[in-house]
């Protein structure tokens, strides 16, 4: 049962690590393909998607409940903003956020009872 309590956070962590890696690779690729010209700040706009994915991920790793709520908000916003075109991605992002929220809730319950869930 102890491993089952850690499962939502572990699965969400793997998904976010893969997402950050993919977005970072894409951003760096685009930066060197299109953003090599001009002043030093031109390439920085190509790294903005990396920051947009990395910051909620780091929040979720440190504070699963807070980071999960932020990730759910990002997923809900992307679902609303992009509509039915990429609705699956928005719902997927929100689902990962819900897993982090569940991890945070389980960690708080375990802390209240004195048990250890193993949350970050």
N, C-alpha and C. Protein backbone atom coordinates (compact mmCIF):
# COMPACT_ATOMS: atom_id res chain seq x y z
N UNK A 1 0.82 -1.20 0.00
CA UNK A 1 0.00 0.00 0.00
C UNK A 1 0.86 1.26 0.00
N UNK A 2 2.03 1.16 0.62
CA UNK A 2 2.91 2.32 0.68
C UNK A 2 3.33 2.76 -0.72
N UNK A 3 3.64 1.81 -1.60
CA UNK A 3 4.05 2.16 -2.96
C UNK A 3 2.89 2.75 -3.75
N UNK A 4 1.69 2.34 -3.48
CA UNK A 4 0.53 2.88 -4.18
C UNK A 4 0.29 4.34 -3.85
N UNK A 5 0.66 4.76 -2.66
CA UNK A 5 0.50 6.16 -2.28
C UNK A 5 1.49 7.06 -3.00
N UNK A 6 2.61 6.51 -3.41
CA UNK A 6 3.63 7.29 -4.13
C UNK A 6 3.41 7.27 -5.64
N UNK A 7 2.55 6.39 -6.12
CA UNK A 7 2.38 6.19 -7.55
C UNK A 7 1.91 7.44 -8.32
N UNK A 8 0.90 8.18 -7.85
CA UNK A 8 0.48 9.36 -8.63
C UNK A 8 1.59 10.38 -8.83
N UNK A 9 2.35 10.66 -7.79
CA UNK A 9 3.44 11.61 -7.90
C UNK A 9 4.57 11.11 -8.79
N UNK A 10 4.84 9.82 -8.73
CA UNK A 10 5.91 9.25 -9.55
C UNK A 10 5.54 9.29 -11.03
N UNK A 11 4.31 8.92 -11.36
CA UNK A 11 3.86 8.95 -12.75
C UNK A 11 3.84 10.38 -13.27
N UNK A 12 3.32 11.30 -12.48
CA UNK A 12 3.27 12.70 -12.89
C UNK A 12 4.69 13.26 -13.08
N UNK A 13 5.61 12.87 -12.20
CA UNK A 13 7.00 13.33 -12.33
C UNK A 13 7.63 12.85 -13.62
N UNK A 14 7.40 11.59 -13.97
CA UNK A 14 7.95 11.06 -15.22
C UNK A 14 7.38 11.81 -16.41
N UNK A 15 6.08 12.03 -16.42
CA UNK A 15 5.46 12.76 -17.53
C UNK A 15 6.02 14.18 -17.65
N UNK A 16 6.21 14.85 -16.53
CA UNK A 16 6.71 16.23 -16.58
C UNK A 16 8.18 16.27 -16.99
N UNK A 17 8.97 15.30 -16.57
CA UNK A 17 10.37 15.25 -17.00
C UNK A 17 10.44 15.03 -18.50
N UNK A 18 9.60 14.15 -19.03
CA UNK A 18 9.56 13.93 -20.49
C UNK A 18 9.10 15.20 -21.20
N UNK A 19 8.09 15.88 -20.65
CA UNK A 19 7.58 17.11 -21.28
C UNK A 19 8.63 18.21 -21.28
N UNK A 20 9.31 18.39 -20.16
CA UNK A 20 10.35 19.43 -20.08
C UNK A 20 11.49 19.10 -21.06
N UNK A 21 11.86 17.84 -21.14
CA UNK A 21 12.93 17.44 -22.06
C UNK A 21 12.53 17.70 -23.50
N UNK A 22 11.31 17.33 -23.87
CA UNK A 22 10.85 17.52 -25.25
C UNK A 22 10.75 18.99 -25.61
N UNK A 23 10.19 19.78 -24.72
CA UNK A 23 10.04 21.21 -25.00
C UNK A 23 11.41 21.90 -25.04
N UNK A 24 12.32 21.51 -24.18
CA UNK A 24 13.66 22.10 -24.19
C UNK A 24 14.39 21.75 -25.48
N UNK A 25 14.27 20.51 -25.91
CA UNK A 25 14.91 20.10 -27.16
C UNK A 25 14.32 20.89 -28.32
N UNK A 26 12.99 21.00 -28.38
CA UNK A 26 12.34 21.74 -29.46
C UNK A 26 12.75 23.21 -29.42
N UNK A 27 12.74 23.81 -28.25
CA UNK A 27 13.08 25.24 -28.13
C UNK A 27 14.52 25.50 -28.55
N UNK A 28 15.43 24.67 -28.10
CA UNK A 28 16.83 24.86 -28.48
C UNK A 28 17.02 24.66 -29.98
N UNK A 29 16.33 23.68 -30.54
CA UNK A 29 16.40 23.44 -31.98
C UNK A 29 15.89 24.64 -32.76
N UNK A 30 14.77 25.18 -32.36
CA UNK A 30 14.21 26.36 -33.03
C UNK A 30 15.11 27.58 -32.84
N UNK A 31 15.69 27.71 -31.67
CA UNK A 31 16.56 28.85 -31.41
C UNK A 31 17.77 28.83 -32.34
N UNK A 32 18.38 27.68 -32.52
CA UNK A 32 19.55 27.62 -33.39
C UNK A 32 19.16 27.62 -34.87
N UNK A 33 17.93 27.23 -35.18
CA UNK A 33 17.49 27.23 -36.57
C UNK A 33 17.05 28.62 -37.02
N UNK A 34 16.25 29.30 -36.18
CA UNK A 34 15.67 30.57 -36.58
C UNK A 34 16.14 31.76 -35.76
N UNK A 35 16.58 31.54 -34.55
CA UNK A 35 16.85 32.65 -33.65
C UNK A 35 18.30 33.03 -33.49
N UNK A 36 19.14 32.65 -34.42
CA UNK A 36 20.57 32.90 -34.28
C UNK A 36 20.97 34.33 -34.63
N UNK A 37 20.11 35.06 -35.31
CA UNK A 37 20.45 36.39 -35.80
C UNK A 37 20.11 37.46 -34.76
N UNK A 38 20.60 38.63 -34.97
CA UNK A 38 20.20 39.79 -34.19
C UNK A 38 20.88 39.92 -32.84
N UNK A 39 20.25 40.71 -32.01
CA UNK A 39 20.78 41.00 -30.67
C UNK A 39 20.71 39.76 -29.78
N UNK A 40 21.34 39.86 -28.63
CA UNK A 40 21.42 38.71 -27.72
C UNK A 40 20.06 38.28 -27.21
N UNK A 41 19.08 39.17 -27.18
CA UNK A 41 17.77 38.81 -26.61
C UNK A 41 16.85 38.16 -27.63
N UNK A 42 17.18 38.15 -28.90
CA UNK A 42 16.35 37.47 -29.90
C UNK A 42 16.24 35.96 -29.62
N UNK A 43 17.33 35.29 -29.31
CA UNK A 43 17.20 33.85 -29.03
C UNK A 43 16.40 33.54 -27.76
N UNK A 44 16.30 34.49 -26.85
CA UNK A 44 15.61 34.20 -25.59
C UNK A 44 14.13 33.90 -25.76
N UNK A 45 13.49 34.49 -26.76
CA UNK A 45 12.06 34.23 -26.95
C UNK A 45 11.80 32.79 -27.37
N UNK A 46 12.80 32.14 -27.94
CA UNK A 46 12.64 30.74 -28.31
C UNK A 46 12.75 29.82 -27.09
N UNK A 47 13.31 30.33 -26.02
CA UNK A 47 13.43 29.54 -24.79
C UNK A 47 12.25 29.76 -23.84
N UNK A 48 11.35 30.66 -24.17
CA UNK A 48 10.19 30.93 -23.32
C UNK A 48 9.31 29.69 -23.09
N UNK A 49 9.07 28.83 -24.11
CA UNK A 49 8.29 27.62 -23.82
C UNK A 49 8.95 26.71 -22.79
N UNK A 50 10.28 26.67 -22.81
CA UNK A 50 10.98 25.86 -21.80
C UNK A 50 10.71 26.38 -20.40
N UNK A 51 10.79 27.69 -20.25
CA UNK A 51 10.52 28.29 -18.94
C UNK A 51 9.07 28.05 -18.53
N UNK A 52 8.15 28.14 -19.49
CA UNK A 52 6.73 27.96 -19.20
C UNK A 52 6.41 26.54 -18.73
N UNK A 53 7.20 25.57 -19.14
CA UNK A 53 6.99 24.19 -18.69
C UNK A 53 7.85 23.87 -17.46
N UNK A 54 9.04 24.44 -17.41
CA UNK A 54 9.97 24.13 -16.32
C UNK A 54 9.51 24.70 -14.98
N UNK A 55 9.00 25.92 -14.97
CA UNK A 55 8.62 26.56 -13.69
C UNK A 55 7.50 25.78 -12.98
N UNK A 56 6.39 25.43 -13.65
CA UNK A 56 5.38 24.62 -12.95
C UNK A 56 5.91 23.25 -12.52
N UNK A 57 6.82 22.69 -13.32
CA UNK A 57 7.39 21.39 -12.96
C UNK A 57 8.20 21.50 -11.68
N UNK A 58 9.03 22.52 -11.59
CA UNK A 58 9.83 22.69 -10.37
C UNK A 58 8.95 22.99 -9.17
N UNK A 59 7.89 23.77 -9.38
CA UNK A 59 6.93 24.01 -8.29
C UNK A 59 6.31 22.69 -7.82
N UNK A 60 5.93 21.86 -8.78
CA UNK A 60 5.29 20.58 -8.42
C UNK A 60 6.27 19.63 -7.75
N UNK A 61 7.53 19.69 -8.14
CA UNK A 61 8.52 18.83 -7.48
C UNK A 61 8.75 19.26 -6.03
N UNK A 62 8.74 20.55 -5.78
CA UNK A 62 8.99 21.06 -4.42
C UNK A 62 7.73 21.04 -3.57
N UNK A 63 6.63 21.56 -4.13
CA UNK A 63 5.34 21.60 -3.44
C UNK A 63 4.29 20.98 -4.35
N UNK A 64 4.05 19.68 -4.23
CA UNK A 64 3.15 18.99 -5.17
C UNK A 64 1.75 19.59 -5.23
N UNK A 65 1.23 20.04 -4.11
CA UNK A 65 -0.13 20.59 -4.12
C UNK A 65 -0.19 21.90 -4.89
N UNK A 66 0.73 22.80 -4.61
CA UNK A 66 0.76 24.10 -5.30
C UNK A 66 1.09 23.93 -6.78
N UNK A 67 2.13 23.16 -7.06
CA UNK A 67 2.50 22.92 -8.46
C UNK A 67 1.42 22.21 -9.24
N UNK A 68 0.72 21.28 -8.59
CA UNK A 68 -0.38 20.59 -9.25
C UNK A 68 -1.51 21.52 -9.62
N UNK A 69 -1.83 22.44 -8.72
CA UNK A 69 -2.88 23.42 -9.02
C UNK A 69 -2.45 24.31 -10.19
N UNK A 70 -1.19 24.72 -10.21
CA UNK A 70 -0.70 25.54 -11.33
C UNK A 70 -0.76 24.76 -12.63
N UNK A 71 -0.38 23.50 -12.61
CA UNK A 71 -0.40 22.68 -13.82
C UNK A 71 -1.84 22.45 -14.29
N UNK A 72 -2.77 22.23 -13.36
CA UNK A 72 -4.19 22.11 -13.73
C UNK A 72 -4.67 23.41 -14.38
N UNK A 73 -4.26 24.54 -13.82
CA UNK A 73 -4.66 25.83 -14.40
C UNK A 73 -4.09 26.01 -15.80
N UNK A 74 -2.85 25.61 -16.01
CA UNK A 74 -2.24 25.69 -17.34
C UNK A 74 -2.98 24.78 -18.32
N UNK A 75 -3.32 23.57 -17.88
CA UNK A 75 -4.06 22.65 -18.73
C UNK A 75 -5.45 23.18 -19.07
N UNK A 76 -6.13 23.75 -18.09
CA UNK A 76 -7.46 24.31 -18.34
C UNK A 76 -7.37 25.51 -19.28
N UNK A 77 -6.35 26.35 -19.08
CA UNK A 77 -6.18 27.50 -19.96
C UNK A 77 -5.88 27.05 -21.39
N UNK A 78 -5.00 26.08 -21.55
CA UNK A 78 -4.66 25.63 -22.91
C UNK A 78 -5.86 24.96 -23.57
N UNK A 79 -6.67 24.25 -22.79
CA UNK A 79 -7.89 23.64 -23.34
C UNK A 79 -8.86 24.73 -23.79
N UNK A 80 -8.98 25.78 -23.02
CA UNK A 80 -9.87 26.88 -23.38
C UNK A 80 -9.30 27.68 -24.55
N UNK A 81 -8.01 27.99 -24.51
CA UNK A 81 -7.40 28.86 -25.50
C UNK A 81 -7.34 28.20 -26.88
N UNK A 82 -6.93 26.94 -26.93
CA UNK A 82 -6.77 26.27 -28.21
C UNK A 82 -8.04 25.56 -28.68
N UNK A 83 -8.99 25.38 -27.80
CA UNK A 83 -10.26 24.77 -28.20
C UNK A 83 -10.12 23.29 -28.53
N UNK A 84 -10.92 22.85 -29.47
CA UNK A 84 -10.96 21.43 -29.80
C UNK A 84 -9.76 20.95 -30.61
N UNK A 85 -8.95 21.87 -31.11
CA UNK A 85 -7.81 21.47 -31.93
C UNK A 85 -6.82 20.61 -31.15
N UNK A 86 -6.51 21.03 -29.97
CA UNK A 86 -5.56 20.28 -29.14
C UNK A 86 -6.15 20.01 -27.76
N UNK A 87 -7.43 19.70 -27.72
CA UNK A 87 -8.12 19.49 -26.44
C UNK A 87 -7.50 18.34 -25.66
N UNK A 88 -7.02 17.33 -26.35
CA UNK A 88 -6.42 16.18 -25.67
C UNK A 88 -5.19 16.60 -24.88
N UNK A 89 -4.39 17.51 -25.43
CA UNK A 89 -3.19 17.95 -24.72
C UNK A 89 -3.55 18.74 -23.47
N UNK A 90 -4.55 19.62 -23.57
CA UNK A 90 -4.97 20.38 -22.40
C UNK A 90 -5.50 19.48 -21.30
N UNK A 91 -6.28 18.49 -21.69
CA UNK A 91 -6.80 17.55 -20.69
C UNK A 91 -5.68 16.68 -20.11
N UNK A 92 -4.71 16.32 -20.95
CA UNK A 92 -3.57 15.54 -20.45
C UNK A 92 -2.74 16.32 -19.45
N UNK A 93 -2.51 17.60 -19.74
CA UNK A 93 -1.78 18.45 -18.81
C UNK A 93 -2.53 18.56 -17.49
N UNK A 94 -3.85 18.77 -17.57
CA UNK A 94 -4.66 18.88 -16.36
C UNK A 94 -4.64 17.58 -15.56
N UNK A 95 -4.63 16.45 -16.25
CA UNK A 95 -4.59 15.16 -15.56
C UNK A 95 -3.29 14.99 -14.79
N UNK A 96 -2.18 15.39 -15.38
CA UNK A 96 -0.89 15.34 -14.67
C UNK A 96 -0.93 16.25 -13.45
N UNK A 97 -1.55 17.43 -13.60
CA UNK A 97 -1.70 18.33 -12.45
C UNK A 97 -2.53 17.71 -11.34
N UNK A 98 -3.59 17.01 -11.72
CA UNK A 98 -4.43 16.34 -10.72
C UNK A 98 -3.62 15.26 -9.98
N UNK A 99 -2.74 14.57 -10.70
CA UNK A 99 -1.89 13.57 -10.05
C UNK A 99 -0.96 14.22 -9.03
N UNK A 100 -0.42 15.38 -9.36
CA UNK A 100 0.42 16.09 -8.38
C UNK A 100 -0.41 16.57 -7.19
N UNK A 101 -1.62 17.04 -7.44
CA UNK A 101 -2.50 17.46 -6.33
C UNK A 101 -2.78 16.26 -5.43
N UNK A 102 -3.09 15.12 -6.03
CA UNK A 102 -3.34 13.91 -5.24
C UNK A 102 -2.10 13.53 -4.43
N UNK A 103 -0.94 13.64 -5.03
CA UNK A 103 0.31 13.37 -4.31
C UNK A 103 0.48 14.31 -3.13
N UNK A 104 0.17 15.60 -3.33
CA UNK A 104 0.27 16.56 -2.24
C UNK A 104 -0.71 16.29 -1.13
N UNK A 105 -1.93 15.90 -1.50
CA UNK A 105 -2.95 15.59 -0.48
C UNK A 105 -2.53 14.36 0.31
N UNK A 106 -2.05 13.34 -0.38
CA UNK A 106 -1.60 12.12 0.33
C UNK A 106 -0.42 12.42 1.25
N UNK A 107 0.48 13.30 0.81
CA UNK A 107 1.63 13.66 1.66
C UNK A 107 1.17 14.42 2.89
N UNK A 108 0.19 15.31 2.73
CA UNK A 108 -0.31 16.06 3.90
C UNK A 108 -1.03 15.14 4.88
N UNK A 109 -1.81 14.21 4.35
CA UNK A 109 -2.50 13.26 5.24
C UNK A 109 -1.50 12.40 6.00
N UNK A 110 -0.46 11.96 5.30
CA UNK A 110 0.55 11.14 5.95
C UNK A 110 1.30 11.94 7.01
N UNK A 111 1.57 13.20 6.72
CA UNK A 111 2.27 14.04 7.70
C UNK A 111 1.39 14.28 8.93
N UNK A 112 0.08 14.39 8.71
CA UNK A 112 -0.83 14.61 9.83
C UNK A 112 -0.91 13.38 10.73
N UNK A 113 -0.77 12.19 10.14
CA UNK A 113 -0.84 10.97 10.94
C UNK A 113 0.52 10.51 11.42
N UNK A 114 1.59 11.19 10.96
CA UNK A 114 2.92 10.82 11.40
C UNK A 114 3.58 9.78 10.52
N UNK A 115 2.90 9.33 9.48
CA UNK A 115 3.47 8.35 8.58
C UNK A 115 4.31 9.06 7.51
N UNK A 116 5.05 8.28 6.78
CA UNK A 116 5.88 8.83 5.71
C UNK A 116 5.39 8.29 4.37
N UNK A 117 5.06 9.20 3.46
CA UNK A 117 4.63 8.79 2.13
C UNK A 117 5.80 8.80 1.18
N UNK A 118 6.80 9.56 1.47
CA UNK A 118 7.96 9.65 0.61
C UNK A 118 7.84 10.74 -0.43
N UNK A 119 6.96 11.68 -0.20
CA UNK A 119 6.85 12.80 -1.13
C UNK A 119 8.08 13.65 -1.01
N UNK A 120 8.39 14.33 -2.10
CA UNK A 120 9.59 15.16 -2.12
C UNK A 120 9.49 16.11 -1.00
